[in-house]
Amino acid sequence: MTVRTEDIRAGTLQIMWASGADPTESAVNDLVVTTQVIRIVTAAVISGLFLLFAIRMRGGRNWARITITLLGAATVGYALIFLPAVSTVDGLFLGAQVIMATVATVLMYLPSSSRYFEEAGRR
């Protein structure tokens, strides 16, 4: 979901006013930049975890398959909650995420995939 800088700025101002602070332009800019950095770092960590779990799953680790299934379900849930509140372009991206997570989950549990994990578990 895309969050515009103006939306972050507006939210920051509301929080500062609600807390009784007198927001300066510098303080607002600092909080906007901090928020954006946190979002980028969080996205990078989540992407790295997905990659790690995918590598482990490729190695036949069933726990990784289950973890990716749970993360995929969380992705679908997140998308369904926020889908009505986003723009058309963001909606298309969220819809694509739902489709990809669903297809990946189905593929992970096909009989041939289950055999792969069973054989890997015996090694």
PDB file of N, CA and C in Angstrom:
ATOM      1  N   MET A   1       0.841  -1.161   0.000  1.00  0.00           N
ATOM      2  CA  MET A   1       0.000   0.000   0.000  1.00  0.00           C
ATOM      3  C   MET A   1       0.893   1.232   0.000  1.00  0.00           C
ATOM      4  N   THR A   2       0.645   2.125  -0.913  1.00  0.00           N
ATOM      5  CA  THR A   2       1.432   3.339  -1.036  1.00  0.00           C
ATOM      6  C   THR A   2       0.933   4.380  -0.045  1.00  0.00           C
ATOM      7  N   VAL A   3       1.853   4.935   0.702  1.00  0.00           N
ATOM      8  CA  VAL A   3       1.521   6.014   1.621  1.00  0.00           C
ATOM      9  C   VAL A   3       2.257   7.248   1.136  1.00  0.00           C
ATOM     10  N   ARG A   4       1.502   8.269   0.847  1.00  0.00           N
ATOM     11  CA  ARG A   4       2.108   9.494   0.344  1.00  0.00           C
ATOM     12  C   ARG A   4       2.756  10.281   1.484  1.00  0.00           C
ATOM     13  N   THR A   5       3.790  11.022   1.142  1.00  0.00           N
ATOM     14  CA  THR A   5       4.485  11.853   2.123  1.00  0.00           C
ATOM     15  C   THR A   5       3.532  12.854   2.760  1.00  0.00           C
ATOM     16  N   GLU A   6       2.593  13.366   1.971  1.00  0.00           N
ATOM     17  CA  GLU A   6       1.630  14.336   2.509  1.00  0.00           C
ATOM     18  C   GLU A   6       0.760  13.693   3.594  1.00  0.00           C
ATOM     19  N   ASP A   7       0.405  12.423   3.405  1.00  0.00           N
ATOM     20  CA  ASP A   7      -0.403  11.721   4.403  1.00  0.00           C
ATOM     21  C   ASP A   7       0.388  11.515   5.693  1.00  0.00           C
ATOM     22  N   ILE A   8       1.667  11.167   5.554  1.00  0.00           N
ATOM     23  CA  ILE A   8       2.512  10.997   6.736  1.00  0.00           C
ATOM     24  C   ILE A   8       2.647  12.338   7.455  1.00  0.00           C
ATOM     25  N   ARG A   9       2.852  13.392   6.695  1.00  0.00           N
ATOM     26  CA  ARG A   9       2.990  14.737   7.277  1.00  0.00           C
ATOM     27  C   ARG A   9       1.704  15.131   8.023  1.00  0.00           C
ATOM     28  N   ALA A  10       0.552  14.879   7.414  1.00  0.00           N
ATOM     29  CA  ALA A  10      -0.722  15.231   8.053  1.00  0.00           C
ATOM     30  C   ALA A  10      -0.919  14.434   9.342  1.00  0.00           C
ATOM     31  N   GLY A  11      -0.609  13.152   9.303  1.00  0.00           N
ATOM     32  CA  GLY A  11      -0.731  12.328  10.500  1.00  0.00           C
ATOM     33  C   GLY A  11       0.211  12.772  11.598  1.00  0.00           C
ATOM     34  N   THR A  12       1.423  13.125  11.208  1.00  0.00           N
ATOM     35  CA  THR A  12       2.408  13.605  12.179  1.00  0.00           C
ATOM     36  C   THR A  12       1.929  14.885  12.842  1.00  0.00           C
ATOM     37  N   LEU A  13       1.403  15.812  12.056  1.00  0.00           N
ATOM     38  CA  LEU A  13       0.879  17.066  12.615  1.00  0.00           C
ATOM     39  C   LEU A  13      -0.269  16.798  13.581  1.00  0.00           C
ATOM     40  N   GLN A  14      -1.169  15.897  13.233  1.00  0.00           N
ATOM     41  CA  GLN A  14      -2.290  15.577  14.110  1.00  0.00           C
ATOM     42  C   GLN A  14      -1.810  15.005  15.436  1.00  0.00           C
ATOM     43  N   ILE A  15      -0.843  14.103  15.367  1.00  0.00           N
ATOM     44  CA  ILE A  15      -0.312  13.503  16.595  1.00  0.00           C
ATOM     45  C   ILE A  15       0.363  14.566  17.455  1.00  0.00           C
ATOM     46  N   MET A  16       1.137  15.423  16.828  1.00  0.00           N
ATOM     47  CA  MET A  16       1.846  16.454  17.598  1.00  0.00           C
ATOM     48  C   MET A  16       0.860  17.443  18.225  1.00  0.00           C
ATOM     49  N   TRP A  17      -0.168  17.848  17.470  1.00  0.00           N
ATOM     50  CA  TRP A  17      -1.159  18.770  18.027  1.00  0.00           C
ATOM     51  C   TRP A  17      -1.946  18.111  19.151  1.00  0.00           C
ATOM     52  N   ALA A  18      -2.279  16.833  18.990  1.00  0.00           N
ATOM     53  CA  ALA A  18      -3.044  16.122  20.014  1.00  0.00           C
ATOM     54  C   ALA A  18      -2.251  15.983  21.306  1.00  0.00           C
ATOM     55  N   SER A  19      -0.935  15.905  21.173  1.00  0.00           N
ATOM     56  CA  SER A  19      -0.103  15.765  22.365  1.00  0.00           C
ATOM     57  C   SER A  19       0.228  17.110  22.996  1.00  0.00           C
ATOM     58  N   GLY A  20      -0.227  18.182  22.381  1.00  0.00           N
ATOM     59  CA  GLY A  20       0.015  19.518  22.935  1.00  0.00           C
ATOM     60  C   GLY A  20       1.322  20.129  22.487  1.00  0.00           C
ATOM     61  N   ALA A  21       2.026  19.476  21.602  1.00  0.00           N
ATOM     62  CA  ALA A  21       3.307  20.001  21.131  1.00  0.00           C
ATOM     63  C   ALA A  21       3.058  21.068  20.069  1.00  0.00           C
ATOM     64  N   ASP A  22       4.004  21.946  19.945  1.00  0.00           N
ATOM     65  CA  ASP A  22       3.944  22.974  18.906  1.00  0.00           C
ATOM     66  C   ASP A  22       4.886  22.534  17.791  1.00  0.00           C
ATOM     67  N   PRO A  23       4.330  21.913  16.729  1.00  0.00           N
ATOM     68  CA  PRO A  23       5.194  21.326  15.700  1.00  0.00           C
ATOM     69  C   PRO A  23       5.926  22.372  14.871  1.00  0.00           C
ATOM     70  N   THR A  24       7.224  22.175  14.763  1.00  0.00           N
ATOM     71  CA  THR A  24       8.010  23.014  13.862  1.00  0.00           C
ATOM     72  C   THR A  24       8.179  22.259  12.552  1.00  0.00           C
ATOM     73  N   GLU A  25       8.491  22.978  11.508  1.00  0.00           N
ATOM     74  CA  GLU A  25       8.688  22.345  10.200  1.00  0.00           C
ATOM     75  C   GLU A  25       9.814  21.315  10.262  1.00  0.00           C
ATOM     76  N   SER A  26      10.860  21.629  10.996  1.00  0.00           N
ATOM     77  CA  SER A  26      12.000  20.724  11.131  1.00  0.00           C
ATOM     78  C   SER A  26      11.594  19.429  11.844  1.00  0.00           C
ATOM     79  N   ALA A  27      10.822  19.561  12.919  1.00  0.00           N
ATOM     80  CA  ALA A  27      10.398  18.381  13.671  1.00  0.00           C
ATOM     81  C   ALA A  27       9.489  17.505  12.825  1.00  0.00           C
ATOM     82  N   VAL A  28       8.588  18.122  12.078  1.00  0.00           N
ATOM     83  CA  VAL A  28       7.691  17.362  11.220  1.00  0.00           C
ATOM     84  C   VAL A  28       8.487  16.640  10.136  1.00  0.00           C
ATOM     85  N   ASN A  29       9.434  17.333   9.516  1.00  0.00           N
ATOM     86  CA  ASN A  29      10.265  16.710   8.480  1.00  0.00           C
ATOM     87  C   ASN A  29      11.058  15.537   9.033  1.00  0.00           C
ATOM     88  N   ASP A  30      11.615  15.700  10.243  1.00  0.00           N
ATOM     89  CA  ASP A  30      12.366  14.611  10.865  1.00  0.00           C
ATOM     90  C   ASP A  30      11.486  13.386  11.087  1.00  0.00           C
ATOM     91  N   LEU A  31      10.262  13.601  11.571  1.00  0.00           N
ATOM     92  CA  LEU A  31       9.367  12.473  11.805  1.00  0.00           C
ATOM     93  C   LEU A  31       8.917  11.818  10.506  1.00  0.00           C
ATOM     94  N   VAL A  32       8.719  12.610   9.467  1.00  0.00           N
ATOM     95  CA  VAL A  32       8.341  12.055   8.168  1.00  0.00           C
ATOM     96  C   VAL A  32       9.463  11.170   7.630  1.00  0.00           C
ATOM     97  N   VAL A  33      10.691  11.661   7.688  1.00  0.00           N
ATOM     98  CA  VAL A  33      11.834  10.889   7.200  1.00  0.00           C
ATOM     99  C   VAL A  33      12.011   9.616   8.035  1.00  0.00           C
ATOM    100  N   THR A  34      11.880   9.735   9.346  1.00  0.00           N
ATOM    101  CA  THR A  34      12.009   8.569  10.223  1.00  0.00           C
ATOM    102  C   THR A  34      10.957   7.521   9.885  1.00  0.00           C
ATOM    103  N   THR A  35       9.729   7.973   9.669  1.00  0.00           N
ATOM    104  CA  THR A  35       8.647   7.050   9.314  1.00  0.00           C
ATOM    105  C   THR A  35       8.949   6.335   8.007  1.00  0.00           C
ATOM    106  N   GLN A  36       9.436   7.055   7.026  1.00  0.00           N
ATOM    107  CA  GLN A  36       9.740   6.446   5.737  1.00  0.00           C
ATOM    108  C   GLN A  36      10.893   5.452   5.846  1.00  0.00           C
ATOM    109  N   VAL A  37      11.899   5.780   6.635  1.00  0.00           N
ATOM    110  CA  VAL A  37      13.031   4.867   6.828  1.00  0.00           C
ATOM    111  C   VAL A  37      12.560   3.585   7.520  1.00  0.00           C
ATOM    112  N   ILE A  38      11.714   3.732   8.524  1.00  0.00           N
ATOM    113  CA  ILE A  38      11.194   2.555   9.227  1.00  0.00           C
ATOM    114  C   ILE A  38      10.395   1.668   8.275  1.00  0.00           C
ATOM    115  N   ARG A  39       9.595   2.267   7.418  1.00  0.00           N
ATOM    116  CA  ARG A  39       8.806   1.493   6.452  1.00  0.00           C
ATOM    117  C   ARG A  39       9.727   0.737   5.494  1.00  0.00           C
ATOM    118  N   ILE A  40      10.776   1.375   5.013  1.00  0.00           N
ATOM    119  CA  ILE A  40      11.698   0.740   4.069  1.00  0.00           C
ATOM    120  C   ILE A  40      12.449  -0.410   4.746  1.00  0.00           C
ATOM    121  N   VAL A  41      12.935  -0.182   5.951  1.00  0.00           N
ATOM    122  CA  VAL A  41      13.672  -1.220   6.677  1.00  0.00           C
ATOM    123  C   VAL A  41      12.752  -2.407   6.975  1.00  0.00           C
ATOM    124  N   THR A  42      11.521  -2.124   7.388  1.00  0.00           N
ATOM    125  CA  THR A  42      10.569  -3.194   7.669  1.00  0.00           C
ATOM    126  C   THR A  42      10.295  -4.021   6.415  1.00  0.00           C
ATOM    127  N   ALA A  43      10.087  -3.359   5.294  1.00  0.00           N
ATOM    128  CA  ALA A  43       9.842  -4.072   4.030  1.00  0.00           C
ATOM    129  C   ALA A  43      11.052  -4.926   3.654  1.00  0.00           C
ATOM    130  N   ALA A  44      12.254  -4.407   3.865  1.00  0.00           N
ATOM    131  CA  ALA A  44      13.464  -5.163   3.538  1.00  0.00           C
ATOM    132  C   ALA A  44      13.605  -6.396   4.432  1.00  0.00           C
ATOM    133  N   VAL A  45      13.305  -6.250   5.711  1.00  0.00           N
ATOM    134  CA  VAL A  45      13.403  -7.384   6.637  1.00  0.00           C
ATOM    135  C   VAL A  45      12.381  -8.459   6.275  1.00  0.00           C
ATOM    136  N   ILE A  46      11.144  -8.043   6.006  1.00  0.00           N
ATOM    137  CA  ILE A  46      10.104  -9.014   5.643  1.00  0.00           C
ATOM    138  C   ILE A  46      10.467  -9.721   4.343  1.00  0.00           C
ATOM    139  N   SER A  47      10.967  -8.986   3.366  1.00  0.00           N
ATOM    140  CA  SER A  47      11.375  -9.600   2.099  1.00  0.00           C
ATOM    141  C   SER A  47      12.515 -10.581   2.314  1.00  0.00           C
ATOM    142  N   GLY A  48      13.465 -10.211   3.153  1.00  0.00           N
ATOM    143  CA  GLY A  48      14.575 -11.111   3.465  1.00  0.00           C
ATOM    144  C   GLY A  48      14.105 -12.386   4.144  1.00  0.00           C
ATOM    145  N   LEU A  49      13.136 -12.264   5.055  1.00  0.00           N
ATOM    146  CA  LEU A  49      12.593 -13.456   5.713  1.00  0.00           C
ATOM    147  C   LEU A  49      11.866 -14.357   4.719  1.00  0.00           C
ATOM    148  N   PHE A  50      11.086 -13.752   3.829  1.00  0.00           N
ATOM    149  CA  PHE A  50      10.422 -14.547   2.797  1.00  0.00           C
ATOM    150  C   PHE A  50      11.459 -15.306   1.975  1.00  0.00           C
ATOM    151  N   LEU A  51      12.528 -14.641   1.600  1.00  0.00           N
ATOM    152  CA  LEU A  51      13.574 -15.285   0.810  1.00  0.00           C
ATOM    153  C   LEU A  51      14.236 -16.418   1.592  1.00  0.00           C
ATOM    154  N   LEU A  52      14.547 -16.185   2.858  1.00  0.00           N
ATOM    155  CA  LEU A  52      15.144 -17.214   3.704  1.00  0.00           C
ATOM    156  C   LEU A  52      14.226 -18.434   3.806  1.00  0.00           C
ATOM    157  N   PHE A  53      12.944 -18.194   4.056  1.00  0.00           N
ATOM    158  CA  PHE A  53      12.004 -19.302   4.164  1.00  0.00           C
ATOM    159  C   PHE A  53      11.855 -20.031   2.836  1.00  0.00           C
ATOM    160  N   ALA A  54      11.881 -19.305   1.737  1.00  0.00           N
ATOM    161  CA  ALA A  54      11.786 -19.944   0.414  1.00  0.00           C
ATOM    162  C   ALA A  54      12.993 -20.834   0.161  1.00  0.00           C
ATOM    163  N   ILE A  55      14.179 -20.372   0.550  1.00  0.00           N
ATOM    164  CA  ILE A  55      15.391 -21.184   0.383  1.00  0.00           C
ATOM    165  C   ILE A  55      15.308 -22.439   1.249  1.00  0.00           C
ATOM    166  N   ARG A  56      14.844 -22.274   2.483  1.00  0.00           N
ATOM    167  CA  ARG A  56      14.703 -23.434   3.379  1.00  0.00           C
ATOM    168  C   ARG A  56      13.641 -24.399   2.863  1.00  0.00           C
ATOM    169  N   MET A  57      12.564 -23.842   2.319  1.00  0.00           N
ATOM    170  CA  MET A  57      11.516 -24.690   1.766  1.00  0.00           C
ATOM    171  C   MET A  57      12.052 -25.482   0.579  1.00  0.00           C
ATOM    172  N   ARG A  58      12.838 -24.834  -0.259  1.00  0.00           N
ATOM    173  CA  ARG A  58      13.444 -25.520  -1.413  1.00  0.00           C
ATOM    174  C   ARG A  58      14.328 -26.666  -0.949  1.00  0.00           C
ATOM    175  N   GLY A  59      14.897 -26.514   0.237  1.00  0.00           N
ATOM    176  CA  GLY A  59      15.711 -27.575   0.813  1.00  0.00           C
ATOM    177  C   GLY A  59      14.892 -28.684   1.459  1.00  0.00           C
ATOM    178  N   GLY A  60      13.571 -28.576   1.368  1.00  0.00           N
ATOM    179  CA  GLY A  60      12.714 -29.645   1.877  1.00  0.00           C
ATOM    180  C   GLY A  60      12.256 -29.466   3.311  1.00  0.00           C
ATOM    181  N   ARG A  61      12.417 -28.289   3.876  1.00  0.00           N
ATOM    182  CA  ARG A  61      11.999 -28.041   5.258  1.00  0.00           C
ATOM    183  C   ARG A  61      10.504 -27.750   5.301  1.00  0.00           C
ATOM    184  N   ASN A  62       9.762 -28.645   5.913  1.00  0.00           N
ATOM    185  CA  ASN A  62       8.309 -28.489   5.967  1.00  0.00           C
ATOM    186  C   ASN A  62       7.914 -27.290   6.831  1.00  0.00           C
ATOM    187  N   TRP A  63       8.680 -26.998   7.890  1.00  0.00           N
ATOM    188  CA  TRP A  63       8.353 -25.855   8.739  1.00  0.00           C
ATOM    189  C   TRP A  63       8.393 -24.561   7.934  1.00  0.00           C
ATOM    190  N   ALA A  64       9.282 -24.500   6.934  1.00  0.00           N
ATOM    191  CA  ALA A  64       9.361 -23.301   6.090  1.00  0.00           C
ATOM    192  C   ALA A  64       8.112 -23.192   5.216  1.00  0.00           C
ATOM    193  N   ARG A  65       7.626 -24.321   4.735  1.00  0.00           N
ATOM    194  CA  ARG A  65       6.403 -24.320   3.931  1.00  0.00           C
ATOM    195  C   ARG A  65       5.226 -23.831   4.771  1.00  0.00           C
ATOM    196  N   ILE A  66       5.140 -24.288   5.996  1.00  0.00           N
ATOM    197  CA  ILE A  66       4.053 -23.868   6.887  1.00  0.00           C
ATOM    198  C   ILE A  66       4.178 -22.378   7.201  1.00  0.00           C
ATOM    199  N   THR A  67       5.393 -21.912   7.458  1.00  0.00           N
ATOM    200  CA  THR A  67       5.613 -20.498   7.750  1.00  0.00           C
ATOM    201  C   THR A  67       5.221 -19.626   6.567  1.00  0.00           C
ATOM    202  N   ILE A  68       5.621 -20.032   5.371  1.00  0.00           N
ATOM    203  CA  ILE A  68       5.256 -19.260   4.174  1.00  0.00           C
ATOM    204  C   ILE A  68       3.744 -19.284   3.973  1.00  0.00           C
ATOM    205  N   THR A  69       3.098 -20.396   4.296  1.00  0.00           N
ATOM    206  CA  THR A  69       1.639 -20.459   4.205  1.00  0.00           C
ATOM    207  C   THR A  69       1.004 -19.448   5.149  1.00  0.00           C
ATOM    208  N   LEU A  70       1.493 -19.383   6.384  1.00  0.00           N
ATOM    209  CA  LEU A  70       0.950 -18.425   7.352  1.00  0.00           C
ATOM    210  C   LEU A  70       1.203 -16.981   6.919  1.00  0.00           C
ATOM    211  N   LEU A  71       2.400 -16.712   6.395  1.00  0.00           N
ATOM    212  CA  LEU A  71       2.689 -15.359   5.907  1.00  0.00           C
ATOM    213  C   LEU A  71       1.833 -15.012   4.698  1.00  0.00           C
ATOM    214  N   GLY A  72       1.597 -15.990   3.845  1.00  0.00           N
ATOM    215  CA  GLY A  72       0.714 -15.771   2.698  1.00  0.00           C
ATOM    216  C   GLY A  72      -0.709 -15.480   3.142  1.00  0.00           C
ATOM    217  N   ALA A  73      -1.181 -16.206   4.158  1.00  0.00           N
ATOM    218  CA  ALA A  73      -2.525 -15.953   4.689  1.00  0.00           C
ATOM    219  C   ALA A  73      -2.599 -14.554   5.302  1.00  0.00           C
ATOM    220  N   ALA A  74      -1.536 -14.145   5.985  1.00  0.00           N
ATOM    221  CA  ALA A  74      -1.502 -12.790   6.550  1.00  0.00           C
ATOM    222  C   ALA A  74      -1.520 -11.743   5.440  1.00  0.00           C
ATOM    223  N   THR A  75      -0.813 -12.008   4.352  1.00  0.00           N
ATOM    224  CA  THR A  75      -0.804 -11.100   3.207  1.00  0.00           C
ATOM    225  C   THR A  75      -2.197 -10.959   2.616  1.00  0.00           C
ATOM    226  N   VAL A  76      -2.885 -12.082   2.454  1.00  0.00           N
ATOM    227  CA  VAL A  76      -4.245 -12.053   1.907  1.00  0.00           C
ATOM    228  C   VAL A  76      -5.177 -11.303   2.860  1.00  0.00           C
ATOM    229  N   GLY A  77      -5.066 -11.574   4.142  1.00  0.00           N
ATOM    230  CA  GLY A  77      -5.901 -10.869   5.123  1.00  0.00           C
ATOM    231  C   GLY A  77      -5.651  -9.376   5.118  1.00  0.00           C
ATOM    232  N   TYR A  78      -4.383  -8.987   5.092  1.00  0.00           N
ATOM    233  CA  TYR A  78      -4.013  -7.577   5.041  1.00  0.00           C
ATOM    234  C   TYR A  78      -4.588  -6.919   3.800  1.00  0.00           C
ATOM    235  N   ALA A  79      -4.444  -7.582   2.676  1.00  0.00           N
ATOM    236  CA  ALA A  79      -4.930  -7.019   1.415  1.00  0.00           C
ATOM    237  C   ALA A  79      -6.444  -6.863   1.428  1.00  0.00           C
ATOM    238  N   LEU A  80      -7.138  -7.844   1.952  1.00  0.00           N
ATOM    239  CA  LEU A  80      -8.596  -7.770   1.975  1.00  0.00           C
ATOM    240  C   LEU A  80      -9.094  -6.677   2.918  1.00  0.00           C
ATOM    241  N   ILE A  81      -8.375  -6.436   3.988  1.00  0.00           N
ATOM    242  CA  ILE A  81      -8.763  -5.367   4.914  1.00  0.00           C
ATOM    243  C   ILE A  81      -8.560  -3.999   4.278  1.00  0.00           C
ATOM    244  N   PHE A  82      -7.422  -3.803   3.610  1.00  0.00           N
ATOM    245  CA  PHE A  82      -7.087  -2.479   3.091  1.00  0.00           C
ATOM    246  C   PHE A  82      -7.524  -2.233   1.657  1.00  0.00           C
ATOM    247  N   LEU A  83      -7.978  -3.264   0.956  1.00  0.00           N
ATOM    248  CA  LEU A  83      -8.361  -3.103  -0.445  1.00  0.00           C
ATOM    249  C   LEU A  83      -9.407  -2.013  -0.680  1.00  0.00           C
ATOM    250  N   PRO A  84     -10.447  -1.920   0.140  1.00  0.00           N
ATOM    251  CA  PRO A  84     -11.439  -0.871  -0.123  1.00  0.00           C
ATOM    252  C   PRO A  84     -10.915   0.552   0.083  1.00  0.00           C
ATOM    253  N   ALA A  85      -9.814   0.711   0.793  1.00  0.00           N
ATOM    254  CA  ALA A  85      -9.345   2.045   1.153  1.00  0.00           C
ATOM    255  C   ALA A  85      -8.201   2.556   0.289  1.00  0.00           C
ATOM    256  N   VAL A  86      -7.844   1.833  -0.756  1.00  0.00           N
ATOM    257  CA  VAL A  86      -6.683   2.239  -1.552  1.00  0.00           C
ATOM    258  C   VAL A  86      -7.106   2.696  -2.941  1.00  0.00           C
ATOM    259  N   SER A  87      -6.168   3.331  -3.606  1.00  0.00           N
ATOM    260  CA  SER A  87      -6.430   3.799  -4.967  1.00  0.00           C
ATOM    261  C   SER A  87      -6.488   2.617  -5.930  1.00  0.00           C
ATOM    262  N   THR A  88      -6.846   2.902  -7.162  1.00  0.00           N
ATOM    263  CA  THR A  88      -6.960   1.851  -8.174  1.00  0.00           C
ATOM    264  C   THR A  88      -5.628   1.149  -8.410  1.00  0.00           C
ATOM    265  N   VAL A  89      -4.556   1.918  -8.522  1.00  0.00           N
ATOM    266  CA  VAL A  89      -3.242   1.321  -8.777  1.00  0.00           C
ATOM    267  C   VAL A  89      -2.824   0.446  -7.605  1.00  0.00           C
ATOM    268  N   ASP A  90      -2.978   0.952  -6.385  1.00  0.00           N
ATOM    269  CA  ASP A  90      -2.639   0.147  -5.213  1.00  0.00           C
ATOM    270  C   ASP A  90      -3.532  -1.080  -5.117  1.00  0.00           C
ATOM    271  N   GLY A  91      -4.799  -0.914  -5.495  1.00  0.00           N
ATOM    272  CA  GLY A  91      -5.723  -2.044  -5.496  1.00  0.00           C
ATOM    273  C   GLY A  91      -5.282  -3.136  -6.453  1.00  0.00           C
ATOM    274  N   LEU A  92      -4.749  -2.735  -7.605  1.00  0.00           N
ATOM    275  CA  LEU A  92      -4.240  -3.720  -8.563  1.00  0.00           C
ATOM    276  C   LEU A  92      -3.045  -4.472  -7.984  1.00  0.00           C
ATOM    277  N   PHE A  93      -2.149  -3.747  -7.304  1.00  0.00           N
ATOM    278  CA  PHE A  93      -0.997  -4.398  -6.685  1.00  0.00           C
ATOM    279  C   PHE A  93      -1.435  -5.337  -5.561  1.00  0.00           C
ATOM    280  N   LEU A  94      -2.372  -4.890  -4.735  1.00  0.00           N
ATOM    281  CA  LEU A  94      -2.863  -5.760  -3.666  1.00  0.00           C
ATOM    282  C   LEU A  94      -3.567  -6.979  -4.237  1.00  0.00           C
ATOM    283  N   GLY A  95      -4.345  -6.781  -5.295  1.00  0.00           N
ATOM    284  CA  GLY A  95      -5.007  -7.907  -5.944  1.00  0.00           C
ATOM    285  C   GLY A  95      -4.002  -8.904  -6.494  1.00  0.00           C
ATOM    286  N   ALA A  96      -2.932  -8.392  -7.090  1.00  0.00           N
ATOM    287  CA  ALA A  96      -1.875  -9.268  -7.605  1.00  0.00           C
ATOM    288  C   ALA A  96      -1.209 -10.034  -6.468  1.00  0.00           C
ATOM    289  N   GLN A  97      -1.003  -9.385  -5.326  1.00  0.00           N
ATOM    290  CA  GLN A  97      -0.413 -10.066  -4.174  1.00  0.00           C
ATOM    291  C   GLN A  97      -1.318 -11.192  -3.687  1.00  0.00           C
ATOM    292  N   VAL A  98      -2.613 -10.934  -3.646  1.00  0.00           N
ATOM    293  CA  VAL A  98      -3.562 -11.964  -3.209  1.00  0.00           C
ATOM    294  C   VAL A  98      -3.513 -13.158  -4.162  1.00  0.00           C
ATOM    295  N   ILE A  99      -3.516 -12.879  -5.452  1.00  0.00           N
ATOM    296  CA  ILE A  99      -3.475 -13.964  -6.442  1.00  0.00           C
ATOM    297  C   ILE A  99      -2.180 -14.755  -6.321  1.00  0.00           C
ATOM    298  N   MET A 100      -1.049 -14.062  -6.216  1.00  0.00           N
ATOM    299  CA  MET A 100       0.239 -14.765  -6.123  1.00  0.00           C
ATOM    300  C   MET A 100       0.339 -15.578  -4.843  1.00  0.00           C
ATOM    301  N   ALA A 101      -0.105 -15.036  -3.722  1.00  0.00           N
ATOM    302  CA  ALA A 101      -0.049 -15.777  -2.458  1.00  0.00           C
ATOM    303  C   ALA A 101      -0.950 -17.005  -2.513  1.00  0.00           C
ATOM    304  N   THR A 102      -2.110 -16.864  -3.116  1.00  0.00           N
ATOM    305  CA  THR A 102      -3.032 -17.990  -3.226  1.00  0.00           C
ATOM    306  C   THR A 102      -2.473 -19.080  -4.137  1.00  0.00           C
ATOM    307  N   VAL A 103      -1.959 -18.685  -5.286  1.00  0.00           N
ATOM    308  CA  VAL A 103      -1.383 -19.660  -6.221  1.00  0.00           C
ATOM    309  C   VAL A 103      -0.175 -20.352  -5.592  1.00  0.00           C
ATOM    310  N   ALA A 104       0.686 -19.593  -4.937  1.00  0.00           N
ATOM    311  CA  ALA A 104       1.864 -20.195  -4.301  1.00  0.00           C
ATOM    312  C   ALA A 104       1.461 -21.202  -3.232  1.00  0.00           C
ATOM    313  N   THR A 105       0.451 -20.865  -2.451  1.00  0.00           N
ATOM    314  CA  THR A 105      -0.004 -21.782  -1.398  1.00  0.00           C
ATOM    315  C   THR A 105      -0.565 -23.061  -2.002  1.00  0.00           C
ATOM    316  N   VAL A 106      -1.366 -22.929  -3.042  1.00  0.00           N
ATOM    317  CA  VAL A 106      -1.917 -24.123  -3.699  1.00  0.00           C
ATOM    318  C   VAL A 106      -0.789 -24.988  -4.256  1.00  0.00           C
ATOM    319  N   LEU A 107       0.181 -24.363  -4.918  1.00  0.00           N
ATOM    320  CA  LEU A 107       1.289 -25.122  -5.491  1.00  0.00           C
ATOM    321  C   LEU A 107       2.120 -25.826  -4.423  1.00  0.00           C
ATOM    322  N   MET A 108       2.256 -25.201  -3.246  1.00  0.00           N
ATOM    323  CA  MET A 108       3.056 -25.807  -2.178  1.00  0.00           C
ATOM    324  C   MET A 108       2.412 -27.059  -1.614  1.00  0.00           C
ATOM    325  N   TYR A 109       1.096 -27.224  -1.816  1.00  0.00           N
ATOM    326  CA  TYR A 109       0.400 -28.364  -1.226  1.00  0.00           C
ATOM    327  C   TYR A 109      -0.145 -29.345  -2.263  1.00  0.00           C
ATOM    328  N   LEU A 110       0.309 -29.239  -3.495  1.00  0.00           N
ATOM    329  CA  LEU A 110      -0.048 -30.238  -4.500  1.00  0.00           C
ATOM    330  C   LEU A 110       0.554 -31.584  -4.093  1.00  0.00           C
ATOM    331  N   PRO A 111      -0.022 -32.684  -4.558  1.00  0.00           N
ATOM    332  CA  PRO A 111       0.527 -33.999  -4.189  1.00  0.00           C
ATOM    333  C   PRO A 111       2.017 -34.148  -4.513  1.00  0.00           C
ATOM    334  N   SER A 112       2.444 -33.637  -5.660  1.00  0.00           N
ATOM    335  CA  SER A 112       3.866 -33.754  -6.002  1.00  0.00           C
ATOM    336  C   SER A 112       4.732 -32.960  -5.019  1.00  0.00           C
ATOM    337  N   SER A 113       4.252 -31.826  -4.580  1.00  0.00           N
ATOM    338  CA  SER A 113       5.001 -31.026  -3.594  1.00  0.00           C
ATOM    339  C   SER A 113       5.048 -31.742  -2.257  1.00  0.00           C
ATOM    340  N   SER A 114       3.933 -32.330  -1.859  1.00  0.00           N
ATOM    341  CA  SER A 114       3.898 -33.051  -0.586  1.00  0.00           C
ATOM    342  C   SER A 114       4.856 -34.232  -0.610  1.00  0.00           C
ATOM    343  N   ARG A 115       4.926 -34.933  -1.746  1.00  0.00           N
ATOM    344  CA  ARG A 115       5.886 -36.040  -1.874  1.00  0.00           C
ATOM    345  C   ARG A 115       7.319 -35.525  -1.725  1.00  0.00           C
ATOM    346  N   TYR A 116       7.593 -34.368  -2.322  1.00  0.00           N
ATOM    347  CA  TYR A 116       8.925 -33.779  -2.243  1.00  0.00           C
ATOM    348  C   TYR A 116       9.317 -33.558  -0.781  1.00  0.00           C
ATOM    349  N   PHE A 117       8.409 -33.015  -0.001  1.00  0.00           N
ATOM    350  CA  PHE A 117       8.710 -32.753   1.415  1.00  0.00           C
ATOM    351  C   PHE A 117       8.831 -34.052   2.223  1.00  0.00           C
ATOM    352  N   GLU A 118       8.014 -35.037   1.878  1.00  0.00           N
ATOM    353  CA  GLU A 118       8.115 -36.334   2.559  1.00  0.00           C
ATOM    354  C   GLU A 118       9.479 -36.980   2.280  1.00  0.00           C
ATOM    355  N   GLU A 119       9.908 -36.959   1.032  1.00  0.00           N
ATOM    356  CA  GLU A 119      11.208 -37.543   0.680  1.00  0.00           C
ATOM    357  C   GLU A 119      12.355 -36.768   1.321  1.00  0.00           C
ATOM    358  N   ALA A 120      12.251 -35.462   1.352  1.00  0.00           N
ATOM    359  CA  ALA A 120      13.292 -34.650   1.973  1.00  0.00           C
ATOM    360  C   ALA A 120      13.349 -34.899   3.468  1.00  0.00           C
ATOM    361  N   GLY A 121      12.201 -35.188   4.078  1.00  0.00           N
ATOM    362  CA  GLY A 121      12.163 -35.465   5.513  1.00  0.00           C
ATOM    363  C   GLY A 121      12.807 -36.771   5.879  1.00  0.00           C
ATOM    364  N   ARG A 122      12.851 -37.697   4.941  1.00  0.00           N
ATOM    365  CA  ARG A 122      13.477 -39.001   5.194  1.00  0.00           C
ATOM    366  C   ARG A 122      14.986 -38.962   5.077  1.00  0.00           C
ATOM    367  N   ARG A 123      15.496 -37.916   4.415  1.00  0.00           N
ATOM    368  CA  ARG A 123      16.959 -37.837   4.214  1.00  0.00           C
ATOM    369  C   ARG A 123      17.658 -37.393   5.443  1.00  0.00           C
TER     370      ARG A 123
END
